[in-house]
PDB file of N, CA and C in Angstrom:
ATOM      1  N   MET A   1       0.871  -1.014  -0.189  1.00  0.00           N
ATOM      2  CA  MET A   1       0.020  -0.013   0.020  1.00  0.00           C
ATOM      3  C   MET A   1       0.973   1.176  -0.044  1.00  0.00           C
ATOM      4  N   PRO A   2       0.607   2.125  -1.002  1.00  0.00           N
ATOM      5  CA  PRO A   2       1.440   3.443  -0.903  1.00  0.00           C
ATOM      6  C   PRO A   2       1.367   4.156   0.430  1.00  0.00           C
ATOM      7  N   PRO A   3       2.250   4.785   0.650  1.00  0.00           N
ATOM      8  CA  PRO A   3       2.279   5.596   2.123  1.00  0.00           C
ATOM      9  C   PRO A   3       1.280   6.632   2.109  1.00  0.00           C
ATOM     10  N   ARG A   4       1.054   7.484   0.898  1.00  0.00           N
ATOM     11  CA  ARG A   4      -0.031   8.379   0.966  1.00  0.00           C
ATOM     12  C   ARG A   4      -1.518   7.785   1.183  1.00  0.00           C
ATOM     13  N   THR A   5      -1.824   6.746   0.686  1.00  0.00           N
ATOM     14  CA  THR A   5      -2.993   5.834   0.758  1.00  0.00           C
ATOM     15  C   THR A   5      -3.157   5.510   2.236  1.00  0.00           C
ATOM     16  N   PHE A   6      -2.027   4.908   2.679  1.00  0.00           N
ATOM     17  CA  PHE A   6      -1.954   4.456   4.297  1.00  0.00           C
ATOM     18  C   PHE A   6      -2.242   5.782   5.179  1.00  0.00           C
ATOM     19  N   ALA A   7      -1.579   6.828   4.746  1.00  0.00           N
ATOM     20  CA  ALA A   7      -1.937   8.042   5.699  1.00  0.00           C
ATOM     21  C   ALA A   7      -3.199   8.539   5.488  1.00  0.00           C
ATOM     22  N   LEU A   8      -3.761   8.545   4.312  1.00  0.00           N
ATOM     23  CA  LEU A   8      -5.270   8.916   4.242  1.00  0.00           C
ATOM     24  C   LEU A   8      -6.347   7.995   5.027  1.00  0.00           C
ATOM     25  N   LEU A   9      -6.027   6.728   4.969  1.00  0.00           N
ATOM     26  CA  LEU A   9      -6.728   5.571   5.600  1.00  0.00           C
ATOM     27  C   LEU A   9      -6.608   5.883   7.015  1.00  0.00           C
ATOM     28  N   LEU A  10      -5.451   6.099   7.545  1.00  0.00           N
ATOM     29  CA  LEU A  10      -5.213   6.284   9.031  1.00  0.00           C
ATOM     30  C   LEU A  10      -5.892   7.644   9.595  1.00  0.00           C
ATOM     31  N   LEU A  11      -5.831   8.725   8.632  1.00  0.00           N
ATOM     32  CA  LEU A  11      -6.492   9.948   9.135  1.00  0.00           C
ATOM     33  C   LEU A  11      -7.929   9.779   8.992  1.00  0.00           C
ATOM     34  N   SER A  12      -8.512   8.996   8.191  1.00  0.00           N
ATOM     35  CA  SER A  12      -9.963   8.922   8.053  1.00  0.00           C
ATOM     36  C   SER A  12     -10.651   8.128   9.304  1.00  0.00           C
ATOM     37  N   VAL A  13      -9.661   6.887   9.729  1.00  0.00           N
ATOM     38  CA  VAL A  13     -10.041   6.283  10.921  1.00  0.00           C
ATOM     39  C   VAL A  13     -10.147   7.048  11.996  1.00  0.00           C
ATOM     40  N   ILE A  14      -9.174   7.903  12.198  1.00  0.00           N
ATOM     41  CA  ILE A  14      -8.886   8.881  13.510  1.00  0.00           C
ATOM     42  C   ILE A  14     -10.118   9.816  13.403  1.00  0.00           C
ATOM     43  N   ALA A  15     -10.358  10.425  12.205  1.00  0.00           N
ATOM     44  CA  ALA A  15     -11.405  11.493  12.182  1.00  0.00           C
ATOM     45  C   ALA A  15     -13.046  10.804  12.507  1.00  0.00           C
ATOM     46  N   ALA A  16     -12.943   9.427  12.006  1.00  0.00           N
ATOM     47  CA  ALA A  16     -14.216   8.893  12.236  1.00  0.00           C
ATOM     48  C   ALA A  16     -14.420   8.652  13.814  1.00  0.00           C
ATOM     49  N   ALA A  17     -13.403   8.081  14.424  1.00  0.00           N
ATOM     50  CA  ALA A  17     -13.487   7.793  15.978  1.00  0.00           C
ATOM     51  C   ALA A  17     -13.599   9.122  16.727  1.00  0.00           C
ATOM     52  N   GLY A  18     -13.096  10.092  16.330  1.00  0.00           N
ATOM     53  CA  GLY A  18     -13.145  11.474  17.050  1.00  0.00           C
ATOM     54  C   GLY A  18     -14.671  12.053  16.750  1.00  0.00           C
ATOM     55  N   THR A  19     -15.222  11.728  15.634  1.00  0.00           N
ATOM     56  CA  THR A  19     -16.626  12.281  15.323  1.00  0.00           C
ATOM     57  C   THR A  19     -17.620  11.428  16.269  1.00  0.00           C
ATOM     58  N   THR A  20     -17.359  10.249  16.330  1.00  0.00           N
ATOM     59  CA  THR A  20     -18.194   9.285  17.105  1.00  0.00           C
ATOM     60  C   THR A  20     -18.192   9.601  18.499  1.00  0.00           C
ATOM     61  N   ILE A  21     -16.908  10.023  19.082  1.00  0.00           N
ATOM     62  CA  ILE A  21     -16.893  10.314  20.365  1.00  0.00           C
ATOM     63  C   ILE A  21     -17.393  11.629  20.757  1.00  0.00           C
ATOM     64  N   ALA A  22     -17.449  12.623  19.764  1.00  0.00           N
ATOM     65  CA  ALA A  22     -17.937  13.979  19.914  1.00  0.00           C
ATOM     66  C   ALA A  22     -19.411  13.971  19.891  1.00  0.00           C
ATOM     67  N   VAL A  23     -20.024  13.233  18.971  1.00  0.00           N
ATOM     68  CA  VAL A  23     -21.391  12.919  19.059  1.00  0.00           C
ATOM     69  C   VAL A  23     -21.926  12.346  20.099  1.00  0.00           C
ATOM     70  N   TRP A  24     -21.354  11.353  20.488  1.00  0.00           N
ATOM     71  CA  TRP A  24     -21.694  10.463  21.825  1.00  0.00           C
ATOM     72  C   TRP A  24     -21.752  11.341  23.127  1.00  0.00           C
ATOM     73  N   SER A  25     -20.631  12.427  23.261  1.00  0.00           N
ATOM     74  CA  SER A  25     -20.525  13.190  24.273  1.00  0.00           C
ATOM     75  C   SER A  25     -21.745  14.169  24.194  1.00  0.00           C
ATOM     76  N   LEU A  26     -22.000  14.828  23.045  1.00  0.00           N
ATOM     77  CA  LEU A  26     -22.932  15.657  22.821  1.00  0.00           C
ATOM     78  C   LEU A  26     -24.289  15.138  23.221  1.00  0.00           C
ATOM     79  N   ALA A  27     -24.538  13.884  23.106  1.00  0.00           N
ATOM     80  CA  ALA A  27     -25.910  13.263  23.467  1.00  0.00           C
ATOM     81  C   ALA A  27     -25.997  13.087  24.939  1.00  0.00           C
ATOM     82  N   GLY A  28     -25.011  13.383  25.677  1.00  0.00           N
ATOM     83  CA  GLY A  28     -24.854  13.450  27.144  1.00  0.00           C
ATOM     84  C   GLY A  28     -24.830  11.836  27.589  1.00  0.00           C
ATOM     85  N   LEU A  29     -24.279  10.971  27.030  1.00  0.00           N
ATOM     86  CA  LEU A  29     -23.994   9.616  27.404  1.00  0.00           C
ATOM     87  C   LEU A  29     -22.577   9.490  28.048  1.00  0.00           C
ATOM     88  N   PRO A  30     -22.455   8.561  28.958  1.00  0.00           N
ATOM     89  CA  PRO A  30     -21.028   8.572  29.569  1.00  0.00           C
ATOM     90  C   PRO A  30     -20.239   7.616  28.448  1.00  0.00           C
ATOM     91  N   LEU A  31     -19.047   7.835  28.673  1.00  0.00           N
ATOM     92  CA  LEU A  31     -17.964   7.161  27.644  1.00  0.00           C
ATOM     93  C   LEU A  31     -17.985   5.675  27.870  1.00  0.00           C
ATOM     94  N   VAL A  32     -18.202   5.214  29.026  1.00  0.00           N
ATOM     95  CA  VAL A  32     -18.404   3.846  29.436  1.00  0.00           C
ATOM     96  C   VAL A  32     -19.298   3.229  28.531  1.00  0.00           C
ATOM     97  N   ALA A  33     -20.281   3.793  28.357  1.00  0.00           N
ATOM     98  CA  ALA A  33     -21.605   3.391  27.487  1.00  0.00           C
ATOM     99  C   ALA A  33     -21.059   2.932  25.956  1.00  0.00           C
ATOM    100  N   LEU A  34     -20.333   4.001  25.515  1.00  0.00           N
ATOM    101  CA  LEU A  34     -19.624   3.962  24.363  1.00  0.00           C
ATOM    102  C   LEU A  34     -18.853   2.820  24.128  1.00  0.00           C
ATOM    103  N   GLY A  35     -17.957   2.477  25.228  1.00  0.00           N
ATOM    104  CA  GLY A  35     -17.128   1.534  25.214  1.00  0.00           C
ATOM    105  C   GLY A  35     -17.771   0.044  25.254  1.00  0.00           C
ATOM    106  N   LEU A  36     -18.833   0.047  26.165  1.00  0.00           N
ATOM    107  CA  LEU A  36     -19.621  -1.344  26.220  1.00  0.00           C
ATOM    108  C   LEU A  36     -20.580  -1.462  24.733  1.00  0.00           C
ATOM    109  N   ALA A  37     -20.930  -0.295  24.150  1.00  0.00           N
ATOM    110  CA  ALA A  37     -21.550  -0.871  22.818  1.00  0.00           C
ATOM    111  C   ALA A  37     -20.681  -1.211  21.969  1.00  0.00           C
ATOM    112  N   ALA A  38     -19.283  -0.573  21.863  1.00  0.00           N
ATOM    113  CA  ALA A  38     -18.298  -1.218  20.960  1.00  0.00           C
ATOM    114  C   ALA A  38     -17.885  -2.497  21.246  1.00  0.00           C
ATOM    115  N   LEU A  39     -17.873  -3.051  22.478  1.00  0.00           N
ATOM    116  CA  LEU A  39     -17.723  -4.388  22.936  1.00  0.00           C
ATOM    117  C   LEU A  39     -18.570  -5.288  22.465  1.00  0.00           C
ATOM    118  N   CYS A  40     -20.060  -5.013  22.669  1.00  0.00           N
ATOM    119  CA  CYS A  40     -21.056  -5.607  22.290  1.00  0.00           C
ATOM    120  C   CYS A  40     -21.001  -5.687  20.656  1.00  0.00           C
ATOM    121  N   ALA A  41     -20.698  -4.746  19.926  1.00  0.00           N
ATOM    122  CA  ALA A  41     -20.677  -4.888  18.520  1.00  0.00           C
ATOM    123  C   ALA A  41     -19.608  -5.721  18.101  1.00  0.00           C
ATOM    124  N   SER A  42     -18.511  -5.719  18.801  1.00  0.00           N
ATOM    125  CA  SER A  42     -17.201  -6.507  18.273  1.00  0.00           C
ATOM    126  C   SER A  42     -17.671  -7.975  18.649  1.00  0.00           C
ATOM    127  N   LEU A  43     -18.371  -8.379  19.654  1.00  0.00           N
ATOM    128  CA  LEU A  43     -18.740  -9.686  19.909  1.00  0.00           C
ATOM    129  C   LEU A  43     -19.611 -10.252  19.066  1.00  0.00           C
ATOM    130  N   ILE A  44     -20.637  -9.378  18.490  1.00  0.00           N
ATOM    131  CA  ILE A  44     -21.764  -9.747  17.716  1.00  0.00           C
ATOM    132  C   ILE A  44     -21.125  -9.916  16.279  1.00  0.00           C
ATOM    133  N   ILE A  45     -20.151  -9.074  15.685  1.00  0.00           N
ATOM    134  CA  ILE A  45     -19.601  -9.295  14.609  1.00  0.00           C
ATOM    135  C   ILE A  45     -18.589 -10.417  14.632  1.00  0.00           C
ATOM    136  N   GLY A  46     -17.877 -10.571  15.591  1.00  0.00           N
ATOM    137  CA  GLY A  46     -17.024 -11.854  15.709  1.00  0.00           C
ATOM    138  C   GLY A  46     -17.685 -13.137  15.863  1.00  0.00           C
ATOM    139  N   SER A  47     -18.858 -13.232  16.402  1.00  0.00           N
ATOM    140  CA  SER A  47     -19.543 -14.404  16.472  1.00  0.00           C
ATOM    141  C   SER A  47     -20.132 -14.768  15.129  1.00  0.00           C
ATOM    142  N   ARG A  48     -20.524 -13.776  14.370  1.00  0.00           N
ATOM    143  CA  ARG A  48     -21.025 -14.091  13.087  1.00  0.00           C
ATOM    144  C   ARG A  48     -19.845 -14.632  12.235  1.00  0.00           C
ATOM    145  N   GLY A  49     -18.457 -14.177  12.282  1.00  0.00           N
ATOM    146  CA  GLY A  49     -17.499 -14.585  11.596  1.00  0.00           C
ATOM    147  C   GLY A  49     -17.022 -16.235  11.948  1.00  0.00           C
ATOM    148  N   LEU A  50     -17.355 -16.665  13.128  1.00  0.00           N
ATOM    149  CA  LEU A  50     -17.004 -17.827  13.498  1.00  0.00           C
ATOM    150  C   LEU A  50     -17.956 -18.971  12.961  1.00  0.00           C
ATOM    151  N   ARG A  51     -19.209 -18.421  12.731  1.00  0.00           N
ATOM    152  CA  ARG A  51     -20.220 -19.507  12.188  1.00  0.00           C
ATOM    153  C   ARG A  51     -19.993 -19.744  10.539  1.00  0.00           C
ATOM    154  N   ARG A  52     -19.356 -18.887   9.995  1.00  0.00           N
ATOM    155  CA  ARG A  52     -19.033 -19.124   8.558  1.00  0.00           C
ATOM    156  C   ARG A  52     -18.037 -19.976   8.212  1.00  0.00           C
TER     157      ARG A  52
END
């Protein structure tokens, strides 16, 4: 992967994470709830991958 493409990919992931945290905090929910939601989502996605 070219370095420029990698840098753009990395920047977009960081921007998406920052946007998610900002929207979550503006909604007034605690950051722990975001972590639990991410953990549950990863478990659901991971369990789908194991069945295939």
